[in-house]
Structures are given as C-alpha cells and as structure tokens.
C-alpha cells in the first residue's frame, strides 16, 4: 500500500478508489492504519489536492475529509504523528476541511478496533 495511483484523469475512478480506501481504514483495523501512516502514501494522497491539479470538488473534499477523520480518529496514538502533521500542513496552506463532529469520529474509530 505504499503506492497509490489516484491521479488518473477519471474522477469516477478517483472517487471509487478513495471510497475503497475509506472503507479499508474504517473496517480493517490496525494493519491498514499503520500502512496509511506511511510518509510516501500520505505524500501521494496530498498530491491529489493542490489547486494546480484542479481536482473535482467532491474528490478534494473526500481527501481532506479522510485526512481530518484520521487525525481525529488516531488522536495521540504513537506512530500516527505524521497524519497530524499532514493535517496541520493542509490547514496552514488554507485548505478547507469539511465540517466534522470530532467526538463522533473518535467513537466510530474506537468501536472498529
């Protein structure tokens, strides 16, 4: 899982891949969580959303939503600092994150571990 290919010009394919990724993270436990906390993976994920790539709005929102969800879900767990750092970098670069209920996200993630 150290490479993702979601830069395909087909937005429906990008959305399908992102939905699959989201489902894996929510349902497959710690082994997938460790994989997404990989620098190369997160760099590739972030590469989707810069304005120069002009991603369709639903894709940008989905990627930012996943980054935000993971930040809240993994909280202060050791080994997941890189996700919090990516979230902060995106905020500093003025990306607009979707509204999120942090308490609901945390409860959801704890119930799937």
N, C-alpha and C. Protein backbone atom coordinates (compact mmCIF):
# COMPACT_ATOMS: atom_id res chain seq x y z
N UNK A 1 0.82 -1.19 0.00
CA UNK A 1 0.00 0.00 0.00
C UNK A 1 0.87 1.25 0.00
N UNK A 2 2.12 1.14 -0.37
CA UNK A 2 2.99 2.31 -0.35
C UNK A 2 2.88 3.14 -1.61
N UNK A 3 2.09 2.71 -2.56
CA UNK A 3 1.87 3.49 -3.78
C UNK A 3 0.37 3.56 -4.03
N UNK A 4 -0.07 4.75 -4.39
CA UNK A 4 -1.45 4.88 -4.82
C UNK A 4 -1.47 5.58 -6.16
N UNK A 5 -2.37 5.18 -6.97
CA UNK A 5 -2.48 5.76 -8.30
C UNK A 5 -3.88 6.35 -8.44
N UNK A 6 -4.09 7.47 -7.83
CA UNK A 6 -5.39 8.12 -7.92
C UNK A 6 -5.28 9.44 -8.64
N UNK A 7 -4.23 9.58 -9.44
CA UNK A 7 -4.09 10.80 -10.23
C UNK A 7 -4.63 10.59 -11.64
N UNK A 8 -5.30 9.48 -11.87
CA UNK A 8 -5.95 9.22 -13.14
C UNK A 8 -6.93 10.35 -13.42
N UNK A 9 -7.08 10.71 -14.68
CA UNK A 9 -7.95 11.83 -15.02
C UNK A 9 -9.43 11.50 -14.85
N UNK A 10 -9.75 10.26 -14.65
CA UNK A 10 -11.14 9.85 -14.48
C UNK A 10 -11.59 10.08 -13.04
N UNK A 11 -12.44 11.08 -12.84
CA UNK A 11 -12.84 11.43 -11.47
C UNK A 11 -13.67 10.31 -10.83
N UNK A 12 -14.43 9.56 -11.62
CA UNK A 12 -15.22 8.48 -11.01
C UNK A 12 -14.29 7.40 -10.46
N UNK A 13 -13.16 7.16 -11.15
CA UNK A 13 -12.20 6.17 -10.67
C UNK A 13 -11.53 6.67 -9.39
N UNK A 14 -11.18 7.94 -9.36
CA UNK A 14 -10.59 8.53 -8.14
C UNK A 14 -11.55 8.38 -6.97
N UNK A 15 -12.81 8.70 -7.19
CA UNK A 15 -13.79 8.59 -6.11
C UNK A 15 -13.95 7.15 -5.64
N UNK A 16 -13.97 6.22 -6.56
CA UNK A 16 -14.10 4.81 -6.19
C UNK A 16 -12.91 4.35 -5.37
N UNK A 17 -11.71 4.74 -5.77
CA UNK A 17 -10.51 4.36 -5.02
C UNK A 17 -10.54 4.97 -3.63
N UNK A 18 -10.94 6.23 -3.53
CA UNK A 18 -10.98 6.90 -2.23
C UNK A 18 -12.05 6.28 -1.32
N UNK A 19 -13.18 5.88 -1.89
CA UNK A 19 -14.21 5.21 -1.09
C UNK A 19 -13.71 3.86 -0.59
N UNK A 20 -12.99 3.15 -1.44
CA UNK A 20 -12.40 1.88 -1.03
C UNK A 20 -11.40 2.09 0.11
N UNK A 21 -10.54 3.08 -0.05
CA UNK A 21 -9.56 3.39 0.98
C UNK A 21 -10.24 3.74 2.30
N UNK A 22 -11.27 4.55 2.23
CA UNK A 22 -12.01 4.93 3.43
C UNK A 22 -12.62 3.70 4.11
N UNK A 23 -13.20 2.81 3.33
CA UNK A 23 -13.79 1.60 3.89
C UNK A 23 -12.73 0.71 4.52
N UNK A 24 -11.57 0.59 3.88
CA UNK A 24 -10.49 -0.22 4.45
C UNK A 24 -10.05 0.33 5.81
N UNK A 25 -9.87 1.64 5.88
CA UNK A 25 -9.41 2.25 7.13
C UNK A 25 -10.44 2.06 8.23
N UNK A 26 -11.70 2.20 7.90
CA UNK A 26 -12.76 2.09 8.91
C UNK A 26 -13.01 0.65 9.37
N UNK A 27 -12.72 -0.32 8.49
CA UNK A 27 -13.14 -1.69 8.79
C UNK A 27 -12.04 -2.72 8.95
N UNK A 28 -10.81 -2.40 8.60
CA UNK A 28 -9.78 -3.44 8.57
C UNK A 28 -8.73 -3.35 9.67
N UNK A 29 -8.84 -2.41 10.56
CA UNK A 29 -8.01 -2.40 11.75
C UNK A 29 -6.60 -1.86 11.61
N UNK A 30 -5.82 -2.20 12.61
CA UNK A 30 -4.50 -1.62 12.85
C UNK A 30 -3.53 -1.80 11.69
N UNK A 31 -3.54 -2.93 11.02
CA UNK A 31 -2.58 -3.15 9.95
C UNK A 31 -2.76 -2.12 8.83
N UNK A 32 -4.01 -1.79 8.49
CA UNK A 32 -4.27 -0.77 7.48
C UNK A 32 -3.92 0.61 8.03
N UNK A 33 -4.21 0.84 9.29
CA UNK A 33 -3.89 2.13 9.91
C UNK A 33 -2.39 2.40 9.84
N UNK A 34 -1.60 1.39 10.08
CA UNK A 34 -0.15 1.54 10.01
C UNK A 34 0.29 1.86 8.57
N UNK A 35 -0.34 1.23 7.61
CA UNK A 35 0.00 1.48 6.21
C UNK A 35 -0.30 2.90 5.78
N UNK A 36 -1.42 3.47 6.24
CA UNK A 36 -1.74 4.84 5.82
C UNK A 36 -0.86 5.86 6.52
N UNK A 37 -0.23 5.48 7.61
CA UNK A 37 0.66 6.40 8.33
C UNK A 37 2.07 6.35 7.75
N UNK A 38 2.17 6.06 6.48
CA UNK A 38 3.43 5.96 5.77
C UNK A 38 3.66 7.27 5.01
N UNK A 39 4.86 7.81 5.12
CA UNK A 39 5.16 9.12 4.50
C UNK A 39 4.89 9.13 3.00
N UNK A 40 5.32 8.12 2.30
CA UNK A 40 5.11 8.06 0.86
C UNK A 40 3.63 8.03 0.49
N UNK A 41 2.88 7.24 1.23
CA UNK A 41 1.44 7.14 0.99
C UNK A 41 0.77 8.49 1.20
N UNK A 42 1.07 9.14 2.33
CA UNK A 42 0.44 10.42 2.63
C UNK A 42 0.87 11.51 1.66
N UNK A 43 2.11 11.47 1.23
CA UNK A 43 2.59 12.45 0.25
C UNK A 43 1.81 12.30 -1.06
N UNK A 44 1.61 11.04 -1.49
CA UNK A 44 0.86 10.78 -2.72
C UNK A 44 -0.60 11.21 -2.57
N UNK A 45 -1.16 10.98 -1.40
CA UNK A 45 -2.55 11.38 -1.15
C UNK A 45 -2.68 12.90 -1.20
N UNK A 46 -1.74 13.61 -0.57
CA UNK A 46 -1.79 15.07 -0.56
C UNK A 46 -1.56 15.64 -1.96
N UNK A 47 -0.80 14.95 -2.78
CA UNK A 47 -0.51 15.43 -4.13
C UNK A 47 -1.77 15.55 -4.99
N UNK A 48 -2.83 14.92 -4.59
CA UNK A 48 -4.08 14.96 -5.35
C UNK A 48 -4.74 16.33 -5.25
N UNK A 49 -4.60 17.01 -4.11
CA UNK A 49 -5.46 18.15 -3.82
C UNK A 49 -4.94 19.55 -4.13
N UNK A 50 -3.67 19.77 -4.49
CA UNK A 50 -3.26 21.14 -4.77
C UNK A 50 -4.07 21.75 -5.91
N UNK A 51 -4.32 23.06 -5.84
CA UNK A 51 -5.09 23.72 -6.89
C UNK A 51 -4.52 23.51 -8.29
N UNK A 52 -3.19 23.37 -8.42
CA UNK A 52 -2.60 23.17 -9.75
C UNK A 52 -3.08 21.88 -10.40
N UNK A 53 -3.49 20.89 -9.58
CA UNK A 53 -4.02 19.64 -10.11
C UNK A 53 -5.49 19.75 -10.46
N UNK A 54 -6.13 20.81 -9.97
CA UNK A 54 -7.54 21.08 -10.26
C UNK A 54 -8.43 19.85 -10.05
N UNK A 55 -8.38 19.25 -8.85
CA UNK A 55 -9.23 18.07 -8.63
C UNK A 55 -10.70 18.50 -8.56
N UNK A 56 -11.59 17.65 -9.01
CA UNK A 56 -13.02 17.97 -8.84
C UNK A 56 -13.31 18.16 -7.35
N UNK A 57 -14.22 19.07 -7.04
CA UNK A 57 -14.53 19.40 -5.65
C UNK A 57 -14.88 18.19 -4.80
N UNK A 58 -15.71 17.24 -5.28
CA UNK A 58 -16.01 16.07 -4.44
C UNK A 58 -14.76 15.28 -4.06
N UNK A 59 -13.80 15.19 -4.97
CA UNK A 59 -12.57 14.45 -4.68
C UNK A 59 -11.74 15.19 -3.66
N UNK A 60 -11.58 16.49 -3.85
CA UNK A 60 -10.83 17.29 -2.87
C UNK A 60 -11.46 17.19 -1.49
N UNK A 61 -12.78 17.31 -1.42
CA UNK A 61 -13.47 17.21 -0.13
C UNK A 61 -13.28 15.84 0.50
N UNK A 62 -13.33 14.80 -0.32
CA UNK A 62 -13.18 13.44 0.20
C UNK A 62 -11.77 13.22 0.76
N UNK A 63 -10.75 13.67 0.04
CA UNK A 63 -9.37 13.52 0.51
C UNK A 63 -9.17 14.31 1.80
N UNK A 64 -9.61 15.56 1.82
CA UNK A 64 -9.46 16.37 3.03
C UNK A 64 -10.27 15.78 4.18
N UNK A 65 -11.45 15.25 3.88
CA UNK A 65 -12.26 14.61 4.91
C UNK A 65 -11.57 13.40 5.52
N UNK A 66 -10.90 12.60 4.67
CA UNK A 66 -10.18 11.43 5.19
C UNK A 66 -9.02 11.87 6.08
N UNK A 67 -8.26 12.87 5.64
CA UNK A 67 -7.13 13.35 6.44
C UNK A 67 -7.63 13.85 7.79
N UNK A 68 -8.72 14.58 7.77
CA UNK A 68 -9.29 15.10 9.02
C UNK A 68 -9.80 13.97 9.90
N UNK A 69 -10.51 13.03 9.31
CA UNK A 69 -11.04 11.89 10.05
C UNK A 69 -9.91 11.12 10.73
N UNK A 70 -8.86 10.84 9.96
CA UNK A 70 -7.74 10.08 10.52
C UNK A 70 -7.06 10.86 11.65
N UNK A 71 -6.96 12.16 11.50
CA UNK A 71 -6.34 12.97 12.55
C UNK A 71 -7.13 12.85 13.85
N UNK A 72 -8.43 12.98 13.75
CA UNK A 72 -9.27 12.86 14.95
C UNK A 72 -9.29 11.43 15.48
N UNK A 73 -9.39 10.47 14.57
CA UNK A 73 -9.52 9.08 14.98
C UNK A 73 -8.28 8.55 15.68
N UNK A 74 -7.11 8.92 15.19
CA UNK A 74 -5.88 8.39 15.76
C UNK A 74 -5.32 9.24 16.89
N UNK A 75 -5.90 10.42 17.08
CA UNK A 75 -5.54 11.25 18.22
C UNK A 75 -4.05 11.31 18.48
N UNK A 76 -3.68 10.92 19.67
CA UNK A 76 -2.29 10.99 20.09
C UNK A 76 -1.60 9.63 20.06
N UNK A 77 -2.14 8.69 19.28
CA UNK A 77 -1.52 7.37 19.22
C UNK A 77 -0.10 7.46 18.67
N UNK A 78 0.84 6.79 19.33
CA UNK A 78 2.21 6.78 18.82
C UNK A 78 2.26 6.17 17.41
N UNK A 79 3.09 6.74 16.56
CA UNK A 79 3.24 6.25 15.21
C UNK A 79 2.35 6.94 14.20
N UNK A 80 1.42 7.76 14.67
CA UNK A 80 0.49 8.43 13.76
C UNK A 80 0.69 9.94 13.74
N UNK A 81 1.83 10.39 14.24
CA UNK A 81 2.14 11.82 14.26
C UNK A 81 2.15 12.39 12.85
N UNK A 82 2.58 11.61 11.89
CA UNK A 82 2.69 12.07 10.51
C UNK A 82 1.33 12.49 9.94
N UNK A 83 0.27 11.85 10.38
CA UNK A 83 -1.07 12.21 9.92
C UNK A 83 -1.46 13.56 10.50
N UNK A 84 -1.18 13.75 11.79
CA UNK A 84 -1.48 15.06 12.40
C UNK A 84 -0.65 16.16 11.75
N UNK A 85 0.60 15.86 11.41
CA UNK A 85 1.45 16.85 10.74
C UNK A 85 0.89 17.21 9.36
N UNK A 86 0.42 16.23 8.62
CA UNK A 86 -0.18 16.50 7.31
C UNK A 86 -1.43 17.37 7.46
N UNK A 87 -2.23 17.08 8.46
CA UNK A 87 -3.44 17.87 8.72
C UNK A 87 -3.06 19.33 8.99
N UNK A 88 -2.03 19.53 9.82
CA UNK A 88 -1.59 20.90 10.13
C UNK A 88 -1.05 21.60 8.89
N UNK A 89 -0.28 20.91 8.08
CA UNK A 89 0.26 21.49 6.85
C UNK A 89 -0.89 21.92 5.93
N UNK A 90 -1.88 21.08 5.79
CA UNK A 90 -3.02 21.41 4.94
C UNK A 90 -3.77 22.63 5.49
N UNK A 91 -3.93 22.70 6.79
CA UNK A 91 -4.59 23.87 7.39
C UNK A 91 -3.77 25.13 7.14
N UNK A 92 -2.44 25.02 7.30
CA UNK A 92 -1.57 26.17 7.06
C UNK A 92 -1.60 26.62 5.60
N UNK A 93 -1.87 25.69 4.70
CA UNK A 93 -1.96 26.01 3.28
C UNK A 93 -3.39 26.42 2.89
N UNK A 94 -4.24 26.61 3.90
CA UNK A 94 -5.60 27.14 3.75
C UNK A 94 -6.55 26.23 2.97
N UNK A 95 -6.31 24.92 3.05
CA UNK A 95 -7.30 24.01 2.51
C UNK A 95 -8.52 24.06 3.42
N UNK A 96 -9.70 23.95 2.85
CA UNK A 96 -10.94 24.00 3.62
C UNK A 96 -11.42 22.57 3.88
N UNK A 97 -11.42 22.23 5.16
CA UNK A 97 -11.87 20.90 5.57
C UNK A 97 -13.38 20.90 5.75
N UNK A 98 -14.01 19.77 5.45
CA UNK A 98 -15.46 19.69 5.67
C UNK A 98 -15.77 19.73 7.17
N UNK A 99 -16.97 20.15 7.53
CA UNK A 99 -17.33 20.13 8.95
C UNK A 99 -17.28 18.70 9.47
N UNK A 100 -16.80 18.55 10.70
CA UNK A 100 -16.70 17.21 11.28
C UNK A 100 -17.09 17.25 12.75
N UNK A 101 -17.74 16.20 13.18
CA UNK A 101 -18.07 16.04 14.58
C UNK A 101 -16.97 15.18 15.19
N UNK A 102 -15.99 15.84 15.81
CA UNK A 102 -14.81 15.13 16.31
C UNK A 102 -15.17 14.01 17.27
N UNK A 103 -16.12 14.22 18.15
CA UNK A 103 -16.49 13.20 19.13
C UNK A 103 -17.07 11.97 18.44
N UNK A 104 -17.91 12.16 17.41
CA UNK A 104 -18.48 11.04 16.67
C UNK A 104 -17.39 10.25 15.94
N UNK A 105 -16.43 10.96 15.36
CA UNK A 105 -15.34 10.30 14.64
C UNK A 105 -14.54 9.42 15.59
N UNK A 106 -14.21 9.94 16.75
CA UNK A 106 -13.42 9.18 17.71
C UNK A 106 -14.19 7.95 18.19
N UNK A 107 -15.47 8.10 18.50
CA UNK A 107 -16.25 6.96 18.95
C UNK A 107 -16.36 5.90 17.86
N UNK A 108 -16.53 6.33 16.62
CA UNK A 108 -16.63 5.38 15.50
C UNK A 108 -15.33 4.61 15.35
N UNK A 109 -14.20 5.30 15.41
CA UNK A 109 -12.93 4.62 15.21
C UNK A 109 -12.61 3.66 16.35
N UNK A 110 -12.98 4.00 17.57
CA UNK A 110 -12.72 3.12 18.69
C UNK A 110 -13.57 1.87 18.63
N UNK A 111 -14.76 1.98 18.06
CA UNK A 111 -15.63 0.82 18.01
C UNK A 111 -15.20 -0.19 16.95
N UNK A 112 -14.31 0.21 16.00
CA UNK A 112 -13.89 -0.71 14.95
C UNK A 112 -12.53 -1.33 15.21
N UNK A 113 -11.87 -1.01 16.31
CA UNK A 113 -10.54 -1.57 16.59
C UNK A 113 -10.63 -2.99 17.09
